[in-house]
Amino acid sequence: MAVTYTDGWVTCAEDEIRVRGYYFPWGTKRIPYARIRAVRRVRLSLVRGRGRIWGTANPRYWASLDWNRPTKHVALILDLGRRVHPFLTPDDPDAALDVIRRHAAVDVSDDDASGPLI
């Protein structure tokens, strides 16, 4: 399986996204591109994602484990058609978003809006 983007936590392979540290304590979430309905690119702030290493205070989103999230400025929120949306902070969000665009026929909201309270 060819990998088209990878960092310490997010891997975008040919057929799926793998998110390390999504489940407690270190479980990997596998997201087939076919399940992705939409992607939203958002700006982070202290209460809108940057201050959250893992988990959530908002039951609509789940932030995967990322020790470096406090230093990041952009997150990707995936709509999988379920109540909870994965909240990912790849090291290179533009590269990850490019791979997702190539593999999934989805709407991408790239309006640079503020992220949700996490």
PDB file of N, CA and C in Angstrom:
ATOM      1  N   MET A   1       0.848  -1.174   0.000  1.00  0.00           N
ATOM      2  CA  MET A   1       0.000   0.000   0.000  1.00  0.00           C
ATOM      3  C   MET A   1       0.896   1.241   0.000  1.00  0.00           C
ATOM      4  N   ALA A   2       0.743   2.061  -0.995  1.00  0.00           N
ATOM      5  CA  ALA A   2       1.557   3.266  -1.106  1.00  0.00           C
ATOM      6  C   ALA A   2       1.047   4.342  -0.151  1.00  0.00           C
ATOM      7  N   VAL A   3       1.972   5.002   0.500  1.00  0.00           N
ATOM      8  CA  VAL A   3       1.635   6.104   1.397  1.00  0.00           C
ATOM      9  C   VAL A   3       1.889   7.395   0.649  1.00  0.00           C
ATOM     10  N   THR A   4       0.900   8.292   0.658  1.00  0.00           N
ATOM     11  CA  THR A   4       1.043   9.535  -0.084  1.00  0.00           C
ATOM     12  C   THR A   4       1.309  10.730   0.825  1.00  0.00           C
ATOM     13  N   TYR A   5       1.005  10.599   2.128  1.00  0.00           N
ATOM     14  CA  TYR A   5       1.360  11.615   3.122  1.00  0.00           C
ATOM     15  C   TYR A   5       1.486  10.916   4.469  1.00  0.00           C
ATOM     16  N   THR A   6       2.495  11.290   5.238  1.00  0.00           N
ATOM     17  CA  THR A   6       2.610  10.739   6.577  1.00  0.00           C
ATOM     18  C   THR A   6       3.378  11.699   7.480  1.00  0.00           C
ATOM     19  N   ASP A   7       2.968  11.724   8.741  1.00  0.00           N
ATOM     20  CA  ASP A   7       3.729  12.404   9.781  1.00  0.00           C
ATOM     21  C   ASP A   7       3.648  11.497  11.008  1.00  0.00           C
ATOM     22  N   GLY A   8       3.912  11.975  12.155  1.00  0.00           N
ATOM     23  CA  GLY A   8       3.911  11.125  13.337  1.00  0.00           C
ATOM     24  C   GLY A   8       2.560  10.557  13.718  1.00  0.00           C
ATOM     25  N   TRP A   9       1.475  11.221  13.345  1.00  0.00           N
ATOM     26  CA  TRP A   9       0.144  10.811  13.787  1.00  0.00           C
ATOM     27  C   TRP A   9      -0.827  10.521  12.659  1.00  0.00           C
ATOM     28  N   VAL A  10      -0.694  11.185  11.529  1.00  0.00           N
ATOM     29  CA  VAL A  10      -1.650  11.040  10.422  1.00  0.00           C
ATOM     30  C   VAL A  10      -0.936  10.452   9.210  1.00  0.00           C
ATOM     31  N   THR A  11      -1.542   9.388   8.657  1.00  0.00           N
ATOM     32  CA  THR A  11      -1.023   8.777   7.427  1.00  0.00           C
ATOM     33  C   THR A  11      -2.146   8.728   6.412  1.00  0.00           C
ATOM     34  N   CYS A  12      -1.915   9.322   5.252  1.00  0.00           N
ATOM     35  CA  CYS A  12      -2.871   9.249   4.149  1.00  0.00           C
ATOM     36  C   CYS A  12      -2.298   8.252   3.146  1.00  0.00           C
ATOM     37  N   ALA A  13      -2.881   7.058   3.126  1.00  0.00           N
ATOM     38  CA  ALA A  13      -2.444   6.004   2.220  1.00  0.00           C
ATOM     39  C   ALA A  13      -3.318   6.038   0.972  1.00  0.00           C
ATOM     40  N   GLU A  14      -3.172   5.048   0.102  1.00  0.00           N
ATOM     41  CA  GLU A  14      -3.930   5.015  -1.146  1.00  0.00           C
ATOM     42  C   GLU A  14      -5.425   4.832  -0.935  1.00  0.00           C
ATOM     43  N   ASP A  15      -5.823   4.073   0.112  1.00  0.00           N
ATOM     44  CA  ASP A  15      -7.243   3.767   0.270  1.00  0.00           C
ATOM     45  C   ASP A  15      -7.871   4.272   1.564  1.00  0.00           C
ATOM     46  N   GLU A  16      -7.056   4.807   2.486  1.00  0.00           N
ATOM     47  CA  GLU A  16      -7.600   5.241   3.764  1.00  0.00           C
ATOM     48  C   GLU A  16      -6.678   6.215   4.469  1.00  0.00           C
ATOM     49  N   ILE A  17      -7.245   6.879   5.471  1.00  0.00           N
ATOM     50  CA  ILE A  17      -6.462   7.702   6.389  1.00  0.00           C
ATOM     51  C   ILE A  17      -6.337   6.901   7.670  1.00  0.00           C
ATOM     52  N   ARG A  18      -5.116   6.830   8.212  1.00  0.00           N
ATOM     53  CA  ARG A  18      -4.880   6.168   9.489  1.00  0.00           C
ATOM     54  C   ARG A  18      -4.460   7.230  10.493  1.00  0.00           C
ATOM     55  N   VAL A  19      -5.160   7.280  11.623  1.00  0.00           N
ATOM     56  CA  VAL A  19      -4.894   8.285  12.646  1.00  0.00           C
ATOM     57  C   VAL A  19      -4.424   7.560  13.908  1.00  0.00           C
ATOM     58  N   ARG A  20      -3.129   7.629  14.186  1.00  0.00           N
ATOM     59  CA  ARG A  20      -2.577   7.025  15.398  1.00  0.00           C
ATOM     60  C   ARG A  20      -3.039   7.828  16.609  1.00  0.00           C
ATOM     61  N   GLY A  21      -3.231   7.145  17.741  1.00  0.00           N
ATOM     62  CA  GLY A  21      -3.590   7.826  18.968  1.00  0.00           C
ATOM     63  C   GLY A  21      -5.002   8.380  18.986  1.00  0.00           C
ATOM     64  N   TYR A  22      -5.870   7.838  18.158  1.00  0.00           N
ATOM     65  CA  TYR A  22      -7.247   8.324  18.142  1.00  0.00           C
ATOM     66  C   TYR A  22      -8.029   7.739  19.323  1.00  0.00           C
ATOM     67  N   TYR A  23      -7.891   6.428  19.526  1.00  0.00           N
ATOM     68  CA  TYR A  23      -8.583   5.737  20.603  1.00  0.00           C
ATOM     69  C   TYR A  23      -7.662   5.569  21.802  1.00  0.00           C
ATOM     70  N   PHE A  24      -8.243   5.469  23.002  1.00  0.00           N
ATOM     71  CA  PHE A  24      -7.473   5.270  24.221  1.00  0.00           C
ATOM     72  C   PHE A  24      -6.958   3.844  24.279  1.00  0.00           C
ATOM     73  N   PRO A  25      -5.716   3.590  24.665  1.00  0.00           N
ATOM     74  CA  PRO A  25      -4.716   4.615  24.900  1.00  0.00           C
ATOM     75  C   PRO A  25      -3.938   4.978  23.643  1.00  0.00           C
ATOM     76  N   TRP A  26      -3.786   4.072  22.703  1.00  0.00           N
ATOM     77  CA  TRP A  26      -2.986   4.374  21.513  1.00  0.00           C
ATOM     78  C   TRP A  26      -3.593   3.823  20.233  1.00  0.00           C
ATOM     79  N   GLY A  27      -4.867   3.512  20.234  1.00  0.00           N
ATOM     80  CA  GLY A  27      -5.503   2.867  19.094  1.00  0.00           C
ATOM     81  C   GLY A  27      -5.537   3.734  17.842  1.00  0.00           C
ATOM     82  N   THR A  28      -5.465   3.068  16.708  1.00  0.00           N
ATOM     83  CA  THR A  28      -5.462   3.741  15.409  1.00  0.00           C
ATOM     84  C   THR A  28      -6.861   3.709  14.791  1.00  0.00           C
ATOM     85  N   LYS A  29      -7.312   4.847  14.311  1.00  0.00           N
ATOM     86  CA  LYS A  29      -8.585   4.923  13.588  1.00  0.00           C
ATOM     87  C   LYS A  29      -8.277   4.846  12.101  1.00  0.00           C
ATOM     88  N   ARG A  30      -9.030   4.014  11.388  1.00  0.00           N
ATOM     89  CA  ARG A  30      -8.883   3.878   9.945  1.00  0.00           C
ATOM     90  C   ARG A  30     -10.128   4.467   9.288  1.00  0.00           C
ATOM     91  N   ILE A  31      -9.901   5.414   8.391  1.00  0.00           N
ATOM     92  CA  ILE A  31     -11.008   6.107   7.734  1.00  0.00           C
ATOM     93  C   ILE A  31     -10.873   5.921   6.220  1.00  0.00           C
ATOM     94  N   PRO A  32     -11.683   5.031   5.632  1.00  0.00           N
ATOM     95  CA  PRO A  32     -11.653   4.897   4.169  1.00  0.00           C
ATOM     96  C   PRO A  32     -12.093   6.215   3.521  1.00  0.00           C
ATOM     97  N   TYR A  33     -11.446   6.572   2.430  1.00  0.00           N
ATOM     98  CA  TYR A  33     -11.808   7.820   1.741  1.00  0.00           C
ATOM     99  C   TYR A  33     -13.278   7.838   1.337  1.00  0.00           C
ATOM    100  N   ALA A  34     -13.833   6.677   1.027  1.00  0.00           N
ATOM    101  CA  ALA A  34     -15.235   6.608   0.601  1.00  0.00           C
ATOM    102  C   ALA A  34     -16.197   7.036   1.707  1.00  0.00           C
ATOM    103  N   ARG A  35     -15.783   6.985   2.976  1.00  0.00           N
ATOM    104  CA  ARG A  35     -16.653   7.387   4.090  1.00  0.00           C
ATOM    105  C   ARG A  35     -16.645   8.893   4.333  1.00  0.00           C
ATOM    106  N   ILE A  36     -15.687   9.607   3.754  1.00  0.00           N
ATOM    107  CA  ILE A  36     -15.560  11.042   4.002  1.00  0.00           C
ATOM    108  C   ILE A  36     -16.570  11.794   3.141  1.00  0.00           C
ATOM    109  N   ARG A  37     -17.456  12.541   3.806  1.00  0.00           N
ATOM    110  CA  ARG A  37     -18.469  13.327   3.098  1.00  0.00           C
ATOM    111  C   ARG A  37     -17.995  14.743   2.813  1.00  0.00           C
ATOM    112  N   ALA A  38     -17.247  15.312   3.753  1.00  0.00           N
ATOM    113  CA  ALA A  38     -16.764  16.687   3.597  1.00  0.00           C
ATOM    114  C   ALA A  38     -15.572  16.891   4.521  1.00  0.00           C
ATOM    115  N   VAL A  39     -14.774  17.897   4.190  1.00  0.00           N
ATOM    116  CA  VAL A  39     -13.616  18.265   5.008  1.00  0.00           C
ATOM    117  C   VAL A  39     -13.683  19.768   5.235  1.00  0.00           C
ATOM    118  N   ARG A  40     -13.424  20.168   6.466  1.00  0.00           N
ATOM    119  CA  ARG A  40     -13.405  21.592   6.802  1.00  0.00           C
ATOM    120  C   ARG A  40     -12.037  21.946   7.358  1.00  0.00           C
ATOM    121  N   ARG A  41     -11.404  22.944   6.769  1.00  0.00           N
ATOM    122  CA  ARG A  41     -10.115  23.449   7.243  1.00  0.00           C
ATOM    123  C   ARG A  41     -10.406  24.636   8.158  1.00  0.00           C
ATOM    124  N   VAL A  42      -9.864  24.597   9.393  1.00  0.00           N
ATOM    125  CA  VAL A  42     -10.159  25.652  10.362  1.00  0.00           C
ATOM    126  C   VAL A  42      -8.878  26.157  11.015  1.00  0.00           C
ATOM    127  N   ARG A  43      -8.957  27.405  11.497  1.00  0.00           N
ATOM    128  CA  ARG A  43      -7.855  28.009  12.258  1.00  0.00           C
ATOM    129  C   ARG A  43      -7.977  27.602  13.719  1.00  0.00           C
ATOM    130  N   LEU A  44      -6.846  27.386  14.355  1.00  0.00           N
ATOM    131  CA  LEU A  44      -6.822  27.025  15.771  1.00  0.00           C
ATOM    132  C   LEU A  44      -6.531  28.239  16.632  1.00  0.00           C
ATOM    133  N   SER A  45      -7.079  28.231  17.841  1.00  0.00           N
ATOM    134  CA  SER A  45      -6.729  29.197  18.871  1.00  0.00           C
ATOM    135  C   SER A  45      -6.661  28.399  20.171  1.00  0.00           C
ATOM    136  N   LEU A  46      -6.351  29.046  21.250  1.00  0.00           N
ATOM    137  CA  LEU A  46      -6.178  28.337  22.507  1.00  0.00           C
ATOM    138  C   LEU A  46      -7.408  27.521  22.898  1.00  0.00           C
ATOM    139  N   VAL A  47      -8.598  28.111  22.832  1.00  0.00           N
ATOM    140  CA  VAL A  47      -9.815  27.371  23.189  1.00  0.00           C
ATOM    141  C   VAL A  47     -10.458  26.680  21.994  1.00  0.00           C
ATOM    142  N   ARG A  48      -9.951  26.913  20.838  1.00  0.00           N
ATOM    143  CA  ARG A  48     -10.471  26.288  19.622  1.00  0.00           C
ATOM    144  C   ARG A  48      -9.453  25.309  19.052  1.00  0.00           C
ATOM    145  N   GLY A  49      -8.971  24.427  19.935  1.00  0.00           N
ATOM    146  CA  GLY A  49      -8.143  23.314  19.493  1.00  0.00           C
ATOM    147  C   GLY A  49      -6.717  23.292  19.969  1.00  0.00           C
ATOM    148  N   ARG A  50      -6.034  24.420  19.995  1.00  0.00           N
ATOM    149  CA  ARG A  50      -4.609  24.413  20.332  1.00  0.00           C
ATOM    150  C   ARG A  50      -4.327  23.974  21.762  1.00  0.00           C
ATOM    151  N   GLY A  51      -5.246  24.238  22.675  1.00  0.00           N
ATOM    152  CA  GLY A  51      -5.037  23.878  24.070  1.00  0.00           C
ATOM    153  C   GLY A  51      -5.409  22.441  24.390  1.00  0.00           C
ATOM    154  N   ARG A  52      -5.888  21.692  23.414  1.00  0.00           N
ATOM    155  CA  ARG A  52      -6.352  20.322  23.637  1.00  0.00           C
ATOM    156  C   ARG A  52      -5.373  19.343  22.995  1.00  0.00           C
ATOM    157  N   ILE A  53      -4.693  18.539  23.808  1.00  0.00           N
ATOM    158  CA  ILE A  53      -3.748  17.545  23.298  1.00  0.00           C
ATOM    159  C   ILE A  53      -4.482  16.324  22.747  1.00  0.00           C
ATOM    160  N   TRP A  54      -5.562  15.912  23.436  1.00  0.00           N
ATOM    161  CA  TRP A  54      -6.313  14.730  23.024  1.00  0.00           C
ATOM    162  C   TRP A  54      -7.709  14.795  23.623  1.00  0.00           C
ATOM    163  N   GLY A  55      -8.709  14.326  22.912  1.00  0.00           N
ATOM    164  CA  GLY A  55     -10.060  14.270  23.436  1.00  0.00           C
ATOM    165  C   GLY A  55     -10.875  15.496  23.079  1.00  0.00           C
ATOM    166  N   THR A  56     -11.830  15.835  23.950  1.00  0.00           N
ATOM    167  CA  THR A  56     -12.713  16.946  23.650  1.00  0.00           C
ATOM    168  C   THR A  56     -13.511  17.382  24.876  1.00  0.00           C
ATOM    169  N   ALA A  57     -13.998  18.586  24.822  1.00  0.00           N
ATOM    170  CA  ALA A  57     -15.002  19.065  25.767  1.00  0.00           C
ATOM    171  C   ALA A  57     -16.303  19.291  24.999  1.00  0.00           C
ATOM    172  N   ASN A  58     -16.273  19.026  23.701  1.00  0.00           N
ATOM    173  CA  ASN A  58     -17.406  19.222  22.810  1.00  0.00           C
ATOM    174  C   ASN A  58     -17.782  17.862  22.209  1.00  0.00           C
ATOM    175  N   PRO A  59     -18.946  17.321  22.519  1.00  0.00           N
ATOM    176  CA  PRO A  59     -19.287  15.973  22.066  1.00  0.00           C
ATOM    177  C   PRO A  59     -19.470  15.812  20.554  1.00  0.00           C
ATOM    178  N   ARG A  60     -19.370  16.887  19.793  1.00  0.00           N
ATOM    179  CA  ARG A  60     -19.495  16.785  18.326  1.00  0.00           C
ATOM    180  C   ARG A  60     -18.164  16.524  17.629  1.00  0.00           C
ATOM    181  N   TYR A  61     -17.041  16.683  18.362  1.00  0.00           N
ATOM    182  CA  TYR A  61     -15.714  16.554  17.754  1.00  0.00           C
ATOM    183  C   TYR A  61     -14.821  15.698  18.649  1.00  0.00           C
ATOM    184  N   TRP A  62     -13.870  15.011  18.023  1.00  0.00           N
ATOM    185  CA  TRP A  62     -12.891  14.246  18.787  1.00  0.00           C
ATOM    186  C   TRP A  62     -11.502  14.567  18.239  1.00  0.00           C
ATOM    187  N   ALA A  63     -10.673  15.148  19.099  1.00  0.00           N
ATOM    188  CA  ALA A  63      -9.308  15.506  18.717  1.00  0.00           C
ATOM    189  C   ALA A  63      -8.387  14.319  18.967  1.00  0.00           C
ATOM    190  N   SER A  64      -7.770  13.833  17.914  1.00  0.00           N
ATOM    191  CA  SER A  64      -6.816  12.734  18.060  1.00  0.00           C
ATOM    192  C   SER A  64      -5.597  13.224  18.835  1.00  0.00           C
ATOM    193  N   LEU A  65      -4.856  12.292  19.409  1.00  0.00           N
ATOM    194  CA  LEU A  65      -3.670  12.648  20.177  1.00  0.00           C
ATOM    195  C   LEU A  65      -2.648  13.363  19.291  1.00  0.00           C
ATOM    196  N   ASP A  66      -2.169  14.504  19.749  1.00  0.00           N
ATOM    197  CA  ASP A  66      -1.118  15.246  19.051  1.00  0.00           C
ATOM    198  C   ASP A  66      -0.415  16.142  20.064  1.00  0.00           C
ATOM    199  N   TRP A  67       0.769  15.703  20.486  1.00  0.00           N
ATOM    200  CA  TRP A  67       1.536  16.451  21.488  1.00  0.00           C
ATOM    201  C   TRP A  67       1.943  17.831  20.985  1.00  0.00           C
ATOM    202  N   ASN A  68       2.024  18.001  19.679  1.00  0.00           N
ATOM    203  CA  ASN A  68       2.467  19.276  19.101  1.00  0.00           C
ATOM    204  C   ASN A  68       1.319  20.205  18.727  1.00  0.00           C
ATOM    205  N   ARG A  69       0.087  19.835  19.023  1.00  0.00           N
ATOM    206  CA  ARG A  69      -1.053  20.676  18.641  1.00  0.00           C
ATOM    207  C   ARG A  69      -0.944  22.111  19.164  1.00  0.00           C
ATOM    208  N   PRO A  70      -0.405  22.355  20.371  1.00  0.00           N
ATOM    209  CA  PRO A  70      -0.317  23.750  20.834  1.00  0.00           C
ATOM    210  C   PRO A  70       0.550  24.656  19.950  1.00  0.00           C
ATOM    211  N   THR A  71       1.387  24.073  19.101  1.00  0.00           N
ATOM    212  CA  THR A  71       2.241  24.872  18.219  1.00  0.00           C
ATOM    213  C   THR A  71       1.658  25.002  16.801  1.00  0.00           C
ATOM    214  N   LYS A  72       0.530  24.350  16.553  1.00  0.00           N
ATOM    215  CA  LYS A  72      -0.046  24.335  15.207  1.00  0.00           C
ATOM    216  C   LYS A  72      -1.129  25.391  15.065  1.00  0.00           C
ATOM    217  N   HIS A  73      -1.458  25.722  13.817  1.00  0.00           N
ATOM    218  CA  HIS A  73      -2.404  26.798  13.544  1.00  0.00           C
ATOM    219  C   HIS A  73      -3.597  26.374  12.700  1.00  0.00           C
ATOM    220  N   VAL A  74      -3.556  25.148  12.147  1.00  0.00           N
ATOM    221  CA  VAL A  74      -4.613  24.687  11.247  1.00  0.00           C
ATOM    222  C   VAL A  74      -5.020  23.262  11.618  1.00  0.00           C
ATOM    223  N   ALA A  75      -6.326  22.999  11.544  1.00  0.00           N
ATOM    224  CA  ALA A  75      -6.857  21.653  11.756  1.00  0.00           C
ATOM    225  C   ALA A  75      -7.767  21.280  10.599  1.00  0.00           C
ATOM    226  N   LEU A  76      -7.964  19.979  10.425  1.00  0.00           N
ATOM    227  CA  LEU A  76      -8.908  19.458   9.444  1.00  0.00           C
ATOM    228  C   LEU A  76      -9.992  18.713  10.199  1.00  0.00           C
ATOM    229  N   ILE A  77     -11.244  19.029   9.900  1.00  0.00           N
ATOM    230  CA  ILE A  77     -12.371  18.347  10.512  1.00  0.00           C
ATOM    231  C   ILE A  77     -13.037  17.510   9.431  1.00  0.00           C
ATOM    232  N   LEU A  78     -13.167  16.208   9.686  1.00  0.00           N
ATOM    233  CA  LEU A  78     -13.752  15.297   8.710  1.00  0.00           C
ATOM    234  C   LEU A  78     -15.204  15.012   9.057  1.00  0.00           C
ATOM    235  N   ASP A  79     -16.067  15.132   8.072  1.00  0.00           N
ATOM    236  CA  ASP A  79     -17.471  14.763   8.229  1.00  0.00           C
ATOM    237  C   ASP A  79     -17.629  13.363   7.670  1.00  0.00           C
ATOM    238  N   LEU A  80     -17.918  12.407   8.562  1.00  0.00           N
ATOM    239  CA  LEU A  80     -18.091  11.015   8.157  1.00  0.00           C
ATOM    240  C   LEU A  80     -19.560  10.608   8.163  1.00  0.00           C
ATOM    241  N   GLY A  81     -20.440  11.590   8.304  1.00  0.00           N
ATOM    242  CA  GLY A  81     -21.860  11.293   8.342  1.00  0.00           C
ATOM    243  C   GLY A  81     -22.319  10.758   9.684  1.00  0.00           C
ATOM    244  N   ARG A  82     -21.516  10.953  10.694  1.00  0.00           N
ATOM    245  CA  ARG A  82     -21.864  10.515  12.047  1.00  0.00           C
ATOM    246  C   ARG A  82     -21.884  11.714  12.974  1.00  0.00           C
ATOM    247  N   ARG A  83     -22.331  11.480  14.194  1.00  0.00           N
ATOM    248  CA  ARG A  83     -22.459  12.562  15.168  1.00  0.00           C
ATOM    249  C   ARG A  83     -21.127  13.183  15.535  1.00  0.00           C
ATOM    250  N   VAL A  84     -20.084  12.362  15.674  1.00  0.00           N
ATOM    251  CA  VAL A  84     -18.767  12.846  16.084  1.00  0.00           C
ATOM    252  C   VAL A  84     -17.866  12.985  14.854  1.00  0.00           C
ATOM    253  N   HIS A  85     -17.203  14.147  14.751  1.00  0.00           N
ATOM    254  CA  HIS A  85     -16.314  14.434  13.631  1.00  0.00           C
ATOM    255  C   HIS A  85     -14.857  14.364  14.091  1.00  0.00           C
ATOM    256  N   PRO A  86     -14.017  13.575  13.401  1.00  0.00           N
ATOM    257  CA  PRO A  86     -12.589  13.571  13.739  1.00  0.00           C
ATOM    258  C   PRO A  86     -11.975  14.956  13.509  1.00  0.00           C
ATOM    259  N   PHE A  87     -11.150  15.378  14.466  1.00  0.00           N
ATOM    260  CA  PHE A  87     -10.473  16.678  14.457  1.00  0.00           C
ATOM    261  C   PHE A  87      -8.979  16.380  14.377  1.00  0.00           C
ATOM    262  N   LEU A  88      -8.379  16.589  13.202  1.00  0.00           N
ATOM    263  CA  LEU A  88      -6.991  16.195  12.947  1.00  0.00           C
ATOM    264  C   LEU A  88      -6.103  17.411  12.743  1.00  0.00           C
ATOM    265  N   THR A  89      -4.862  17.310  13.205  1.00  0.00           N
ATOM    266  CA  THR A  89      -3.894  18.388  12.998  1.00  0.00           C
ATOM    267  C   THR A  89      -2.621  17.804  12.385  1.00  0.00           C
ATOM    268  N   PRO A  90      -2.649  17.536  11.083  1.00  0.00           N
ATOM    269  CA  PRO A  90      -1.445  17.030  10.429  1.00  0.00           C
ATOM    270  C   PRO A  90      -0.333  18.080  10.468  1.00  0.00           C
ATOM    271  N   ASP A  91       0.916  17.628  10.429  1.00  0.00           N
ATOM    272  CA  ASP A  91       2.045  18.556  10.420  1.00  0.00           C
ATOM    273  C   ASP A  91       2.009  19.464   9.200  1.00  0.00           C
ATOM    274  N   ASP A  92       1.583  18.917   8.063  1.00  0.00           N
ATOM    275  CA  ASP A  92       1.458  19.703   6.833  1.00  0.00           C
ATOM    276  C   ASP A  92       0.011  19.588   6.347  1.00  0.00           C
ATOM    277  N   PRO A  93      -0.887  20.434   6.855  1.00  0.00           N
ATOM    278  CA  PRO A  93      -2.303  20.299   6.496  1.00  0.00           C
ATOM    279  C   PRO A  93      -2.583  20.474   5.006  1.00  0.00           C
ATOM    280  N   ASP A  94      -1.802  21.300   4.316  1.00  0.00           N
ATOM    281  CA  ASP A  94      -2.021  21.483   2.876  1.00  0.00           C
ATOM    282  C   ASP A  94      -1.733  20.201   2.108  1.00  0.00           C
ATOM    283  N   ALA A  95      -0.655  19.509   2.469  1.00  0.00           N
ATOM    284  CA  ALA A  95      -0.308  18.246   1.802  1.00  0.00           C
ATOM    285  C   ALA A  95      -1.350  17.175   2.104  1.00  0.00           C
ATOM    286  N   ALA A  96      -1.783  17.078   3.352  1.00  0.00           N
ATOM    287  CA  ALA A  96      -2.800  16.092   3.711  1.00  0.00           C
ATOM    288  C   ALA A  96      -4.113  16.393   2.989  1.00  0.00           C
ATOM    289  N   LEU A  97      -4.498  17.644   2.948  1.00  0.00           N
ATOM    290  CA  LEU A  97      -5.731  18.042   2.271  1.00  0.00           C
ATOM    291  C   LEU A  97      -5.652  17.754   0.775  1.00  0.00           C
ATOM    292  N   ASP A  98      -4.492  17.952   0.184  1.00  0.00           N
ATOM    293  CA  ASP A  98      -4.302  17.648  -1.236  1.00  0.00           C
ATOM    294  C   ASP A  98      -4.520  16.158  -1.507  1.00  0.00           C
ATOM    295  N   VAL A  99      -3.989  15.296  -0.641  1.00  0.00           N
ATOM    296  CA  VAL A  99      -4.177  13.851  -0.798  1.00  0.00           C
ATOM    297  C   VAL A  99      -5.653  13.492  -0.643  1.00  0.00           C
ATOM    298  N   ILE A 100      -6.310  14.061   0.348  1.00  0.00           N
ATOM    299  CA  ILE A 100      -7.732  13.774   0.561  1.00  0.00           C
ATOM    300  C   ILE A 100      -8.546  14.213  -0.648  1.00  0.00           C
ATOM    301  N   ARG A 101      -8.237  15.370  -1.197  1.00  0.00           N
ATOM    302  CA  ARG A 101      -8.947  15.847  -2.397  1.00  0.00           C
ATOM    303  C   ARG A 101      -8.764  14.889  -3.573  1.00  0.00           C
ATOM    304  N   ARG A 102      -7.561  14.339  -3.720  1.00  0.00           N
ATOM    305  CA  ARG A 102      -7.293  13.429  -4.836  1.00  0.00           C
ATOM    306  C   ARG A 102      -7.988  12.082  -4.680  1.00  0.00           C
ATOM    307  N   HIS A 103      -8.174  11.612  -3.447  1.00  0.00           N
ATOM    308  CA  HIS A 103      -8.706  10.270  -3.222  1.00  0.00           C
ATOM    309  C   HIS A 103     -10.185  10.222  -2.874  1.00  0.00           C
ATOM    310  N   ALA A 104     -10.748  11.305  -2.407  1.00  0.00           N
ATOM    311  CA  ALA A 104     -12.155  11.305  -2.006  1.00  0.00           C
ATOM    312  C   ALA A 104     -12.897  12.386  -2.773  1.00  0.00           C
ATOM    313  N   ALA A 105     -14.065  12.036  -3.256  1.00  0.00           N
ATOM    314  CA  ALA A 105     -14.900  13.019  -3.956  1.00  0.00           C
ATOM    315  C   ALA A 105     -15.711  13.759  -2.902  1.00  0.00           C
ATOM    316  N   VAL A 106     -15.097  14.804  -2.327  1.00  0.00           N
ATOM    317  CA  VAL A 106     -15.727  15.497  -1.202  1.00  0.00           C
ATOM    318  C   VAL A 106     -15.700  17.003  -1.402  1.00  0.00           C
ATOM    319  N   ASP A 107     -16.587  17.649  -0.672  1.00  0.00           N
ATOM    320  CA  ASP A 107     -16.560  19.102  -0.581  1.00  0.00           C
ATOM    321  C   ASP A 107     -15.514  19.478   0.456  1.00  0.00           C
ATOM    322  N   VAL A 108     -14.697  20.475   0.141  1.00  0.00           N
ATOM    323  CA  VAL A 108     -13.699  20.962   1.087  1.00  0.00           C
ATOM    324  C   VAL A 108     -13.993  22.417   1.372  1.00  0.00           C
ATOM    325  N   SER A 109     -14.291  22.703   2.624  1.00  0.00           N
ATOM    326  CA  SER A 109     -14.513  24.077   3.049  1.00  0.00           C
ATOM    327  C   SER A 109     -13.168  24.620   3.491  1.00  0.00           C
ATOM    328  N   ASP A 110     -12.636  25.536   2.726  1.00  0.00           N
ATOM    329  CA  ASP A 110     -11.296  26.071   2.983  1.00  0.00           C
ATOM    330  C   ASP A 110     -11.395  27.564   3.237  1.00  0.00           C
ATOM    331  N   ASP A 111     -12.401  27.953   4.033  1.00  0.00           N
ATOM    332  CA  ASP A 111     -12.643  29.381   4.260  1.00  0.00           C
ATOM    333  C   ASP A 111     -11.807  29.969   5.397  1.00  0.00           C
ATOM    334  N   ASP A 112     -10.968  29.159   6.007  1.00  0.00           N
ATOM    335  CA  ASP A 112     -10.075  29.608   7.077  1.00  0.00           C
ATOM    336  C   ASP A 112     -10.847  30.182   8.267  1.00  0.00           C
ATOM    337  N   ALA A 113     -12.008  29.584   8.548  1.00  0.00           N
ATOM    338  CA  ALA A 113     -12.800  30.015   9.691  1.00  0.00           C
ATOM    339  C   ALA A 113     -12.198  29.496  10.986  1.00  0.00           C
ATOM    340  N   SER A 114     -12.614  30.058  12.097  1.00  0.00           N
ATOM    341  CA  SER A 114     -12.167  29.581  13.403  1.00  0.00           C
ATOM    342  C   SER A 114     -12.750  28.198  13.662  1.00  0.00           C
ATOM    343  N   GLY A 115     -11.977  27.377  14.334  1.00  0.00           N
ATOM    344  CA  GLY A 115     -12.423  26.036  14.669  1.00  0.00           C
ATOM    345  C   GLY A 115     -13.447  26.051  15.776  1.00  0.00           C
ATOM    346  N   PRO A 116     -14.063  24.903  16.049  1.00  0.00           N
ATOM    347  CA  PRO A 116     -15.049  24.813  17.127  1.00  0.00           C
ATOM    348  C   PRO A 116     -14.362  24.794  18.488  1.00  0.00           C
ATOM    349  N   LEU A 117     -15.115  25.037  19.536  1.00  0.00           N
ATOM    350  CA  LEU A 117     -14.587  24.895  20.882  1.00  0.00           C
ATOM    351  C   LEU A 117     -14.313  23.416  21.105  1.00  0.00           C
ATOM    352  N   ILE A 118     -13.087  23.124  21.475  1.00  0.00           N
ATOM    353  CA  ILE A 118     -12.709  21.720  21.688  1.00  0.00           C
ATOM    354  C   ILE A 118     -12.350  21.566  23.119  1.00  0.00           C
TER     355      ILE A 118
END
